[in-house]
């Protein structure tokens, strides 16, 4: 029997070049492949850029830890979205100098204090992607809470 690696300890990815430019297919065993490319003139814009994938990684890392903690606090989450944007440095390497994460939460019972607490926990302890760039990239987190009325079910 083939044993899959423990993703909490080791991660493996592969990329394969698809053309004579910079278009790659990215693979992780057991998942659908993703298309990765660069913008013209070096690439053909046929997939995500590496920095877009990084924004996905940071957003999903923060989002996962925020949701885990809110649910442990017995909060009801009816909707959750993160929009991330990054401002790139002008000099090479042109990585991010600033990333803004905008969280939008729909809930009847999540408070600003709840979000402040769980975002701080994510930043300081639980989001490994954030910890890898902390001190190197200015990260701003903003949020809105859409207070929705809980639905009463008619029986």
C-alpha atoms as a PDB file:
ATOM      1  CA  UNK A   1       0.000   0.000   0.000  1.00  0.00           C
ATOM      2  CA  UNK A   2       1.325   3.432  -0.965  1.00  0.00           C
ATOM      3  CA  UNK A   3       1.393   5.875   1.917  1.00  0.00           C
ATOM      4  CA  UNK A   4       0.766   9.526   1.105  1.00  0.00           C
ATOM      5  CA  UNK A   5       3.048  12.034   2.805  1.00  0.00           C
ATOM      6  CA  UNK A   6       1.730  13.817   5.872  1.00  0.00           C
ATOM      7  CA  UNK A   7       0.906  17.309   4.544  1.00  0.00           C
ATOM      8  CA  UNK A   8       1.309  18.735   8.031  1.00  0.00           C
ATOM      9  CA  UNK A   9       5.017  17.886   7.797  1.00  0.00           C
ATOM     10  CA  UNK A  10       6.041  17.845   4.123  1.00  0.00           C
ATOM     11  CA  UNK A  11       4.607  19.291   0.922  1.00  0.00           C
ATOM     12  CA  UNK A  12       5.547  18.408  -2.642  1.00  0.00           C
ATOM     13  CA  UNK A  13       4.595  20.149  -5.880  1.00  0.00           C
ATOM     14  CA  UNK A  14       5.772  19.894  -9.467  1.00  0.00           C
ATOM     15  CA  UNK A  15       5.645  22.178 -12.456  1.00  0.00           C
ATOM     16  CA  UNK A  16       6.049  21.199 -16.097  1.00  0.00           C
ATOM     17  CA  UNK A  17       6.829  23.620 -18.921  1.00  0.00           C
ATOM     18  CA  UNK A  18       4.044  23.617 -21.541  1.00  0.00           C
ATOM     19  CA  UNK A  19       5.456  25.901 -24.240  1.00  0.00           C
ATOM     20  CA  UNK A  20       8.586  27.721 -25.353  1.00  0.00           C
ATOM     21  CA  UNK A  21       7.819  30.696 -23.092  1.00  0.00           C
ATOM     22  CA  UNK A  22       6.870  30.609 -19.364  1.00  0.00           C
ATOM     23  CA  UNK A  23       3.613  28.642 -19.285  1.00  0.00           C
ATOM     24  CA  UNK A  24       3.680  25.871 -16.687  1.00  0.00           C
ATOM     25  CA  UNK A  25       1.237  23.303 -15.403  1.00  0.00           C
ATOM     26  CA  UNK A  26       1.436  22.957 -11.643  1.00  0.00           C
ATOM     27  CA  UNK A  27       0.572  19.673 -10.001  1.00  0.00           C
ATOM     28  CA  UNK A  28      -0.017  18.325  -6.529  1.00  0.00           C
ATOM     29  CA  UNK A  29      -0.901  14.646  -6.244  1.00  0.00           C
ATOM     30  CA  UNK A  30      -4.651  14.155  -5.899  1.00  0.00           C
ATOM     31  CA  UNK A  31      -5.627  17.651  -7.094  1.00  0.00           C
ATOM     32  CA  UNK A  32      -6.528  19.218 -10.425  1.00  0.00           C
ATOM     33  CA  UNK A  33      -3.591  20.863 -12.191  1.00  0.00           C
ATOM     34  CA  UNK A  34      -3.291  24.650 -12.311  1.00  0.00           C
ATOM     35  CA  UNK A  35      -2.005  26.864 -15.088  1.00  0.00           C
ATOM     36  CA  UNK A  36       0.855  29.234 -14.234  1.00  0.00           C
ATOM     37  CA  UNK A  37       2.226  31.824 -16.637  1.00  0.00           C
ATOM     38  CA  UNK A  38       3.758  35.263 -16.774  1.00  0.00           C
ATOM     39  CA  UNK A  39       2.491  38.428 -18.389  1.00  0.00           C
ATOM     40  CA  UNK A  40       3.580  39.492 -21.888  1.00  0.00           C
ATOM     41  CA  UNK A  41       6.082  40.016 -23.324  1.00  0.00           C
ATOM     42  CA  UNK A  42       7.808  37.193 -21.404  1.00  0.00           C
ATOM     43  CA  UNK A  43       4.728  35.003 -21.045  1.00  0.00           C
ATOM     44  CA  UNK A  44       1.344  34.688 -22.696  1.00  0.00           C
ATOM     45  CA  UNK A  45      -0.903  35.374 -19.675  1.00  0.00           C
ATOM     46  CA  UNK A  46      -2.363  31.855 -19.874  1.00  0.00           C
ATOM     47  CA  UNK A  47      -2.568  31.239 -16.154  1.00  0.00           C
ATOM     48  CA  UNK A  48      -2.026  32.585 -12.678  1.00  0.00           C
ATOM     49  CA  UNK A  49       1.174  34.482 -11.988  1.00  0.00           C
ATOM     50  CA  UNK A  50       3.354  33.291  -9.129  1.00  0.00           C
ATOM     51  CA  UNK A  51       2.447  36.357  -7.058  1.00  0.00           C
ATOM     52  CA  UNK A  52      -1.281  35.802  -7.633  1.00  0.00           C
ATOM     53  CA  UNK A  53      -0.826  32.282  -6.292  1.00  0.00           C
ATOM     54  CA  UNK A  54       0.997  33.750  -3.312  1.00  0.00           C
ATOM     55  CA  UNK A  55      -1.980  36.045  -2.589  1.00  0.00           C
ATOM     56  CA  UNK A  56      -4.232  32.968  -2.746  1.00  0.00           C
ATOM     57  CA  UNK A  57      -1.932  31.198  -0.278  1.00  0.00           C
ATOM     58  CA  UNK A  58      -1.905  34.066   2.197  1.00  0.00           C
ATOM     59  CA  UNK A  59      -5.675  34.610   1.908  1.00  0.00           C
ATOM     60  CA  UNK A  60      -6.554  30.956   2.372  1.00  0.00           C
ATOM     61  CA  UNK A  61      -4.105  30.609   5.270  1.00  0.00           C
ATOM     62  CA  UNK A  62      -5.594  33.600   7.096  1.00  0.00           C
ATOM     63  CA  UNK A  63      -9.138  32.607   6.160  1.00  0.00           C
ATOM     64  CA  UNK A  64      -8.709  29.056   7.426  1.00  0.00           C
ATOM     65  CA  UNK A  65      -7.369  30.096  10.807  1.00  0.00           C
ATOM     66  CA  UNK A  66      -9.958  32.872  11.234  1.00  0.00           C
ATOM     67  CA  UNK A  67     -12.813  30.482  10.456  1.00  0.00           C
ATOM     68  CA  UNK A  68     -11.458  27.740  12.723  1.00  0.00           C
ATOM     69  CA  UNK A  69     -11.242  30.134  15.676  1.00  0.00           C
ATOM     70  CA  UNK A  70     -14.614  31.786  15.060  1.00  0.00           C
ATOM     71  CA  UNK A  71     -16.266  28.367  14.882  1.00  0.00           C
ATOM     72  CA  UNK A  72     -14.528  27.303  18.099  1.00  0.00           C
ATOM     73  CA  UNK A  73     -16.066  30.429  19.642  1.00  0.00           C
ATOM     74  CA  UNK A  74     -19.463  29.048  18.500  1.00  0.00           C
ATOM     75  CA  UNK A  75     -19.986  31.888  16.040  1.00  0.00           C
ATOM     76  CA  UNK A  76     -22.286  31.395  13.075  1.00  0.00           C
ATOM     77  CA  UNK A  77     -20.701  32.145   9.705  1.00  0.00           C
ATOM     78  CA  UNK A  78     -23.163  32.573   6.829  1.00  0.00           C
ATOM     79  CA  UNK A  79     -20.676  33.972   4.339  1.00  0.00           C
ATOM     80  CA  UNK A  80     -16.967  34.663   4.194  1.00  0.00           C
ATOM     81  CA  UNK A  81     -14.799  36.227   1.500  1.00  0.00           C
ATOM     82  CA  UNK A  82     -11.304  37.671   1.323  1.00  0.00           C
ATOM     83  CA  UNK A  83     -10.144  40.035  -1.399  1.00  0.00           C
ATOM     84  CA  UNK A  84      -6.379  40.460  -1.442  1.00  0.00           C
ATOM     85  CA  UNK A  85      -4.289  42.952  -3.329  1.00  0.00           C
ATOM     86  CA  UNK A  86      -0.566  43.500  -3.422  1.00  0.00           C
ATOM     87  CA  UNK A  87       1.519  46.516  -4.351  1.00  0.00           C
ATOM     88  CA  UNK A  88       4.812  45.447  -5.895  1.00  0.00           C
ATOM     89  CA  UNK A  89       8.226  46.917  -5.297  1.00  0.00           C
ATOM     90  CA  UNK A  90       9.639  48.942  -8.167  1.00  0.00           C
ATOM     91  CA  UNK A  91      13.146  47.494  -7.889  1.00  0.00           C
ATOM     92  CA  UNK A  92      14.124  43.869  -8.440  1.00  0.00           C
ATOM     93  CA  UNK A  93      13.143  41.533  -7.023  1.00  0.00           C
ATOM     94  CA  UNK A  94       9.690  43.057  -7.580  1.00  0.00           C
ATOM     95  CA  UNK A  95       7.923  41.171  -4.819  1.00  0.00           C
ATOM     96  CA  UNK A  96       5.256  42.769  -2.684  1.00  0.00           C
ATOM     97  CA  UNK A  97       5.961  45.772  -0.512  1.00  0.00           C
ATOM     98  CA  UNK A  98       2.357  45.938   0.749  1.00  0.00           C
ATOM     99  CA  UNK A  99      -0.492  43.428   0.848  1.00  0.00           C
ATOM    100  CA  UNK A 100      -4.035  44.398   1.815  1.00  0.00           C
ATOM    101  CA  UNK A 101      -6.483  41.694   2.869  1.00  0.00           C
ATOM    102  CA  UNK A 102     -10.145  42.685   2.990  1.00  0.00           C
ATOM    103  CA  UNK A 103     -12.278  40.216   4.937  1.00  0.00           C
ATOM    104  CA  UNK A 104     -16.044  40.253   4.495  1.00  0.00           C
ATOM    105  CA  UNK A 105     -17.955  38.252   7.073  1.00  0.00           C
ATOM    106  CA  UNK A 106     -21.685  37.568   7.116  1.00  0.00           C
ATOM    107  CA  UNK A 107     -22.837  36.545  10.565  1.00  0.00           C
ATOM    108  CA  UNK A 108     -25.527  37.230  13.140  1.00  0.00           C
ATOM    109  CA  UNK A 109     -23.086  37.082  16.057  1.00  0.00           C
ATOM    110  CA  UNK A 110     -19.455  37.818  15.060  1.00  0.00           C
ATOM    111  CA  UNK A 111     -18.177  41.038  16.636  1.00  0.00           C
ATOM    112  CA  UNK A 112     -15.294  43.340  15.743  1.00  0.00           C
ATOM    113  CA  UNK A 113     -13.593  42.198  18.952  1.00  0.00           C
ATOM    114  CA  UNK A 114     -13.894  38.570  17.814  1.00  0.00           C
ATOM    115  CA  UNK A 115     -12.264  39.365  14.484  1.00  0.00           C
ATOM    116  CA  UNK A 116      -9.510  41.467  16.048  1.00  0.00           C
ATOM    117  CA  UNK A 117      -8.687  38.575  18.375  1.00  0.00           C
ATOM    118  CA  UNK A 118      -8.615  35.817  15.749  1.00  0.00           C
ATOM    119  CA  UNK A 119      -6.713  37.918  13.192  1.00  0.00           C
ATOM    120  CA  UNK A 120      -4.070  38.630  15.826  1.00  0.00           C
ATOM    121  CA  UNK A 121      -3.828  34.908  16.663  1.00  0.00           C
ATOM    122  CA  UNK A 122      -3.453  34.127  12.965  1.00  0.00           C
ATOM    123  CA  UNK A 123      -0.723  36.712  12.501  1.00  0.00           C
ATOM    124  CA  UNK A 124       1.263  35.873  15.607  1.00  0.00           C
ATOM    125  CA  UNK A 125       0.948  32.102  15.790  1.00  0.00           C
ATOM    126  CA  UNK A 126      -1.176  30.124  13.344  1.00  0.00           C
ATOM    127  CA  UNK A 127      -0.735  31.320   9.738  1.00  0.00           C
ATOM    128  CA  UNK A 128       2.570  29.947   8.402  1.00  0.00           C
ATOM    129  CA  UNK A 129       2.340  31.907   5.145  1.00  0.00           C
ATOM    130  CA  UNK A 130       2.051  35.182   7.078  1.00  0.00           C
ATOM    131  CA  UNK A 131       4.953  34.209   9.330  1.00  0.00           C
ATOM    132  CA  UNK A 132       7.187  33.645   6.273  1.00  0.00           C
ATOM    133  CA  UNK A 133       6.792  37.242   5.076  1.00  0.00           C
ATOM    134  CA  UNK A 134       6.316  39.070   8.369  1.00  0.00           C
ATOM    135  CA  UNK A 135       8.859  41.862   8.681  1.00  0.00           C
ATOM    136  CA  UNK A 136       9.480  41.832   4.927  1.00  0.00           C
ATOM    137  CA  UNK A 137       6.049  42.876   3.620  1.00  0.00           C
ATOM    138  CA  UNK A 138       3.631  45.385   5.157  1.00  0.00           C
ATOM    139  CA  UNK A 139       0.368  43.490   5.650  1.00  0.00           C
ATOM    140  CA  UNK A 140      -2.865  45.394   6.232  1.00  0.00           C
ATOM    141  CA  UNK A 141      -6.042  43.616   7.266  1.00  0.00           C
ATOM    142  CA  UNK A 142      -9.402  45.312   6.965  1.00  0.00           C
ATOM    143  CA  UNK A 143     -12.800  43.794   7.571  1.00  0.00           C
ATOM    144  CA  UNK A 144     -16.506  44.381   7.354  1.00  0.00           C
ATOM    145  CA  UNK A 145     -19.184  42.454   9.165  1.00  0.00           C
ATOM    146  CA  UNK A 146     -22.596  42.125   7.554  1.00  0.00           C
ATOM    147  CA  UNK A 147     -24.898  41.389  10.460  1.00  0.00           C
ATOM    148  CA  UNK A 148     -27.624  39.130   9.184  1.00  0.00           C
ATOM    149  CA  UNK A 149     -30.674  38.024  11.052  1.00  0.00           C
ATOM    150  CA  UNK A 150     -30.688  34.350  11.942  1.00  0.00           C
ATOM    151  CA  UNK A 151     -33.345  32.479  10.010  1.00  0.00           C
ATOM    152  CA  UNK A 152     -36.161  30.989  11.972  1.00  0.00           C
ATOM    153  CA  UNK A 153     -37.299  27.724  10.568  1.00  0.00           C
ATOM    154  CA  UNK A 154     -41.048  27.135  10.439  1.00  0.00           C
ATOM    155  CA  UNK A 155     -41.996  23.711  11.652  1.00  0.00           C
END
